Amino acid sequence: MVIAMLDVNIKPGRGEEFKAWVAESNGIISKFDGFVSRRLLQGSDGSLRMMVEFDSEEKFAAMRRSQEHQSVHRRASDLLAGPPVPVMYRVVAGGSVANAVDAAHASITRHGTA
């Protein structure tokens, strides 16, 4: 699992348009192989950060090279004060509720108890 974190600088007065773009573009990005999630986060200071999760760095890179991705980001360029640069993180520990449920189910299946 890889997570790209992108600090996003929106032009003044364009925040609502950007949020609408995120919702629209999520419908496109979510169709790529390896996609896990894509969320816009707002810090307590009002700053915005995009978090994009893919199951591998290779699949994330393939999505970024695609025509669909290029088209989606061209539409956002009017809203941004500058291009966001992703910082990549690899998940090295932790999990999710879904992972915990899967592990519990596997244990029950192996041991035949509920």
C-alpha atoms as a PDB file:
ATOM      1  CA  MET A   1       0.000   0.000   0.000  1.00  0.00           C
ATOM      2  CA  VAL A   2       1.247   3.470  -0.883  1.00  0.00           C
ATOM      3  CA  ILE A   3      -0.134   6.844   0.073  1.00  0.00           C
ATOM      4  CA  ALA A   4       0.581  10.064  -1.794  1.00  0.00           C
ATOM      5  CA  MET A   5       0.154  13.255   0.215  1.00  0.00           C
ATOM      6  CA  LEU A   6      -0.172  16.466  -1.799  1.00  0.00           C
ATOM      7  CA  ASP A   7      -0.338  19.947  -0.289  1.00  0.00           C
ATOM      8  CA  VAL A   8      -2.901  21.884  -2.305  1.00  0.00           C
ATOM      9  CA  ASN A   9      -2.827  25.665  -2.699  1.00  0.00           C
ATOM     10  CA  ILE A  10      -6.132  26.951  -4.039  1.00  0.00           C
ATOM     11  CA  LYS A  11      -6.550  30.367  -5.614  1.00  0.00           C
ATOM     12  CA  PRO A  12      -8.506  32.748  -3.368  1.00  0.00           C
ATOM     13  CA  GLY A  13     -12.267  32.340  -3.660  1.00  0.00           C
ATOM     14  CA  ARG A  14     -12.055  29.028  -5.555  1.00  0.00           C
ATOM     15  CA  GLY A  15     -12.395  26.599  -2.620  1.00  0.00           C
ATOM     16  CA  GLU A  16     -15.946  25.454  -3.323  1.00  0.00           C
ATOM     17  CA  GLU A  17     -15.163  24.922  -7.008  1.00  0.00           C
ATOM     18  CA  PHE A  18     -12.142  22.871  -6.009  1.00  0.00           C
ATOM     19  CA  LYS A  19     -14.222  20.681  -3.680  1.00  0.00           C
ATOM     20  CA  ALA A  20     -16.691  20.075  -6.528  1.00  0.00           C
ATOM     21  CA  TRP A  21     -13.768  19.169  -8.814  1.00  0.00           C
ATOM     22  CA  VAL A  22     -12.491  16.679  -6.222  1.00  0.00           C
ATOM     23  CA  ALA A  23     -15.887  14.961  -6.070  1.00  0.00           C
ATOM     24  CA  GLU A  24     -16.125  14.809  -9.869  1.00  0.00           C
ATOM     25  CA  SER A  25     -12.555  13.650 -10.408  1.00  0.00           C
ATOM     26  CA  ASN A  26     -12.845  10.966  -7.707  1.00  0.00           C
ATOM     27  CA  GLY A  27     -15.339   9.233  -9.988  1.00  0.00           C
ATOM     28  CA  ILE A  28     -12.653   9.019 -12.669  1.00  0.00           C
ATOM     29  CA  ILE A  29      -9.608   8.230 -10.511  1.00  0.00           C
ATOM     30  CA  SER A  30     -11.476   5.538  -8.551  1.00  0.00           C
ATOM     31  CA  LYS A  31     -11.796   3.413 -11.701  1.00  0.00           C
ATOM     32  CA  PHE A  32      -8.035   2.796 -11.943  1.00  0.00           C
ATOM     33  CA  ASP A  33      -6.579  -0.590 -11.068  1.00  0.00           C
ATOM     34  CA  GLY A  34      -5.110  -0.510  -7.571  1.00  0.00           C
ATOM     35  CA  PHE A  35      -7.169   2.477  -6.374  1.00  0.00           C
ATOM     36  CA  VAL A  36      -8.018   2.399  -2.654  1.00  0.00           C
ATOM     37  CA  SER A  37      -9.128   5.931  -1.723  1.00  0.00           C
ATOM     38  CA  ARG A  38      -8.699   9.632  -2.453  1.00  0.00           C
ATOM     39  CA  ARG A  39      -9.638  12.274   0.126  1.00  0.00           C
ATOM     40  CA  LEU A  40      -9.301  16.005   0.549  1.00  0.00           C
ATOM     41  CA  LEU A  41      -8.243  16.899   4.091  1.00  0.00           C
ATOM     42  CA  GLN A  42      -8.470  20.301   5.754  1.00  0.00           C
ATOM     43  CA  GLY A  43      -6.090  21.162   8.590  1.00  0.00           C
ATOM     44  CA  SER A  44      -7.020  23.165  11.665  1.00  0.00           C
ATOM     45  CA  ASP A  45      -5.166  26.076  10.033  1.00  0.00           C
ATOM     46  CA  GLY A  46      -7.362  25.855   6.908  1.00  0.00           C
ATOM     47  CA  SER A  47      -4.651  24.273   4.744  1.00  0.00           C
ATOM     48  CA  LEU A  48      -5.683  21.567   2.284  1.00  0.00           C
ATOM     49  CA  ARG A  49      -3.978  18.252   1.618  1.00  0.00           C
ATOM     50  CA  MET A  50      -5.004  15.508  -0.773  1.00  0.00           C
ATOM     51  CA  MET A  51      -4.435  11.912   0.337  1.00  0.00           C
ATOM     52  CA  VAL A  52      -4.423   9.273  -2.406  1.00  0.00           C
ATOM     53  CA  GLU A  53      -4.076   5.554  -1.621  1.00  0.00           C
ATOM     54  CA  PHE A  54      -3.163   2.842  -4.136  1.00  0.00           C
ATOM     55  CA  ASP A  55      -2.220  -0.766  -3.519  1.00  0.00           C
ATOM     56  CA  SER A  56       1.182  -0.281  -5.214  1.00  0.00           C
ATOM     57  CA  GLU A  57       3.473   2.517  -6.321  1.00  0.00           C
ATOM     58  CA  GLU A  58       3.511   1.057  -9.846  1.00  0.00           C
ATOM     59  CA  LYS A  59      -0.279   1.311 -10.167  1.00  0.00           C
ATOM     60  CA  PHE A  60      -0.238   4.847  -8.775  1.00  0.00           C
ATOM     61  CA  ALA A  61       2.438   5.814 -11.322  1.00  0.00           C
ATOM     62  CA  ALA A  62       0.445   4.201 -14.150  1.00  0.00           C
ATOM     63  CA  MET A  63      -2.614   6.245 -13.145  1.00  0.00           C
ATOM     64  CA  ARG A  64      -0.562   9.471 -13.140  1.00  0.00           C
ATOM     65  CA  ARG A  65       0.751   8.725 -16.654  1.00  0.00           C
ATOM     66  CA  SER A  66      -2.734   8.104 -18.064  1.00  0.00           C
ATOM     67  CA  GLN A  67      -4.628  10.430 -20.405  1.00  0.00           C
ATOM     68  CA  GLU A  68      -7.561  10.424 -17.971  1.00  0.00           C
ATOM     69  CA  HIS A  69      -5.366  11.739 -15.165  1.00  0.00           C
ATOM     70  CA  GLN A  70      -3.859  14.415 -17.411  1.00  0.00           C
ATOM     71  CA  SER A  71      -7.340  15.532 -18.481  1.00  0.00           C
ATOM     72  CA  VAL A  72      -8.645  15.640 -14.897  1.00  0.00           C
ATOM     73  CA  HIS A  73      -5.719  17.762 -13.748  1.00  0.00           C
ATOM     74  CA  ARG A  74      -5.899  20.175 -16.670  1.00  0.00           C
ATOM     75  CA  ARG A  75      -9.408  21.060 -15.491  1.00  0.00           C
ATOM     76  CA  ALA A  76      -8.091  21.817 -11.992  1.00  0.00           C
ATOM     77  CA  SER A  77      -5.248  24.073 -13.138  1.00  0.00           C
ATOM     78  CA  ASP A  78      -7.497  27.179 -13.135  1.00  0.00           C
ATOM     79  CA  LEU A  79      -8.282  26.550  -9.472  1.00  0.00           C
ATOM     80  CA  LEU A  80      -4.738  25.984  -8.202  1.00  0.00           C
ATOM     81  CA  ALA A  81      -2.125  28.575  -7.260  1.00  0.00           C
ATOM     82  CA  GLY A  82       0.567  26.051  -8.237  1.00  0.00           C
ATOM     83  CA  PRO A  83       0.941  22.378  -9.063  1.00  0.00           C
ATOM     84  CA  PRO A  84       0.800  19.992  -6.103  1.00  0.00           C
ATOM     85  CA  VAL A  85       3.816  17.698  -5.775  1.00  0.00           C
ATOM     86  CA  PRO A  86       3.139  14.270  -4.277  1.00  0.00           C
ATOM     87  CA  VAL A  87       5.205  12.964  -1.382  1.00  0.00           C
ATOM     88  CA  MET A  88       4.988   9.177  -1.373  1.00  0.00           C
ATOM     89  CA  TYR A  89       4.599   7.094   1.779  1.00  0.00           C
ATOM     90  CA  ARG A  90       4.654   3.309   1.983  1.00  0.00           C
ATOM     91  CA  VAL A  91       2.485   1.730   4.693  1.00  0.00           C
ATOM     92  CA  VAL A  92       4.866  -0.185   6.966  1.00  0.00           C
ATOM     93  CA  ALA A  93       2.614  -0.908   9.968  1.00  0.00           C
ATOM     94  CA  GLY A  94      -1.004  -0.621  10.976  1.00  0.00           C
ATOM     95  CA  GLY A  95      -4.223  -1.701   9.416  1.00  0.00           C
ATOM     96  CA  SER A  96      -7.853  -0.926   8.936  1.00  0.00           C
ATOM     97  CA  VAL A  97     -11.188  -2.145  10.226  1.00  0.00           C
ATOM     98  CA  ALA A  98     -11.597  -4.152   7.012  1.00  0.00           C
ATOM     99  CA  ASN A  99      -8.241  -5.864   7.611  1.00  0.00           C
ATOM    100  CA  ALA A 100      -9.217  -6.708  11.189  1.00  0.00           C
ATOM    101  CA  VAL A 101     -12.556  -8.174  10.052  1.00  0.00           C
ATOM    102  CA  ASP A 102     -10.806 -10.232   7.354  1.00  0.00           C
ATOM    103  CA  ALA A 103      -8.293 -11.561   9.898  1.00  0.00           C
ATOM    104  CA  ALA A 104     -11.054 -12.471  12.363  1.00  0.00           C
ATOM    105  CA  HIS A 105     -13.023 -14.233   9.626  1.00  0.00           C
ATOM    106  CA  ALA A 106      -9.937 -16.199   8.566  1.00  0.00           C
ATOM    107  CA  SER A 107      -9.341 -17.261  12.182  1.00  0.00           C
ATOM    108  CA  ILE A 108     -12.943 -18.412  12.596  1.00  0.00           C
ATOM    109  CA  THR A 109     -12.790 -20.320   9.318  1.00  0.00           C
ATOM    110  CA  ARG A 110      -9.525 -22.048  10.321  1.00  0.00           C
ATOM    111  CA  HIS A 111     -10.701 -23.001  13.810  1.00  0.00           C
ATOM    112  CA  GLY A 112     -14.361 -23.658  13.007  1.00  0.00           C
ATOM    113  CA  THR A 113     -15.636 -21.487  15.857  1.00  0.00           C
ATOM    114  CA  ALA A 114     -17.654 -18.320  15.939  1.00  0.00           C
END
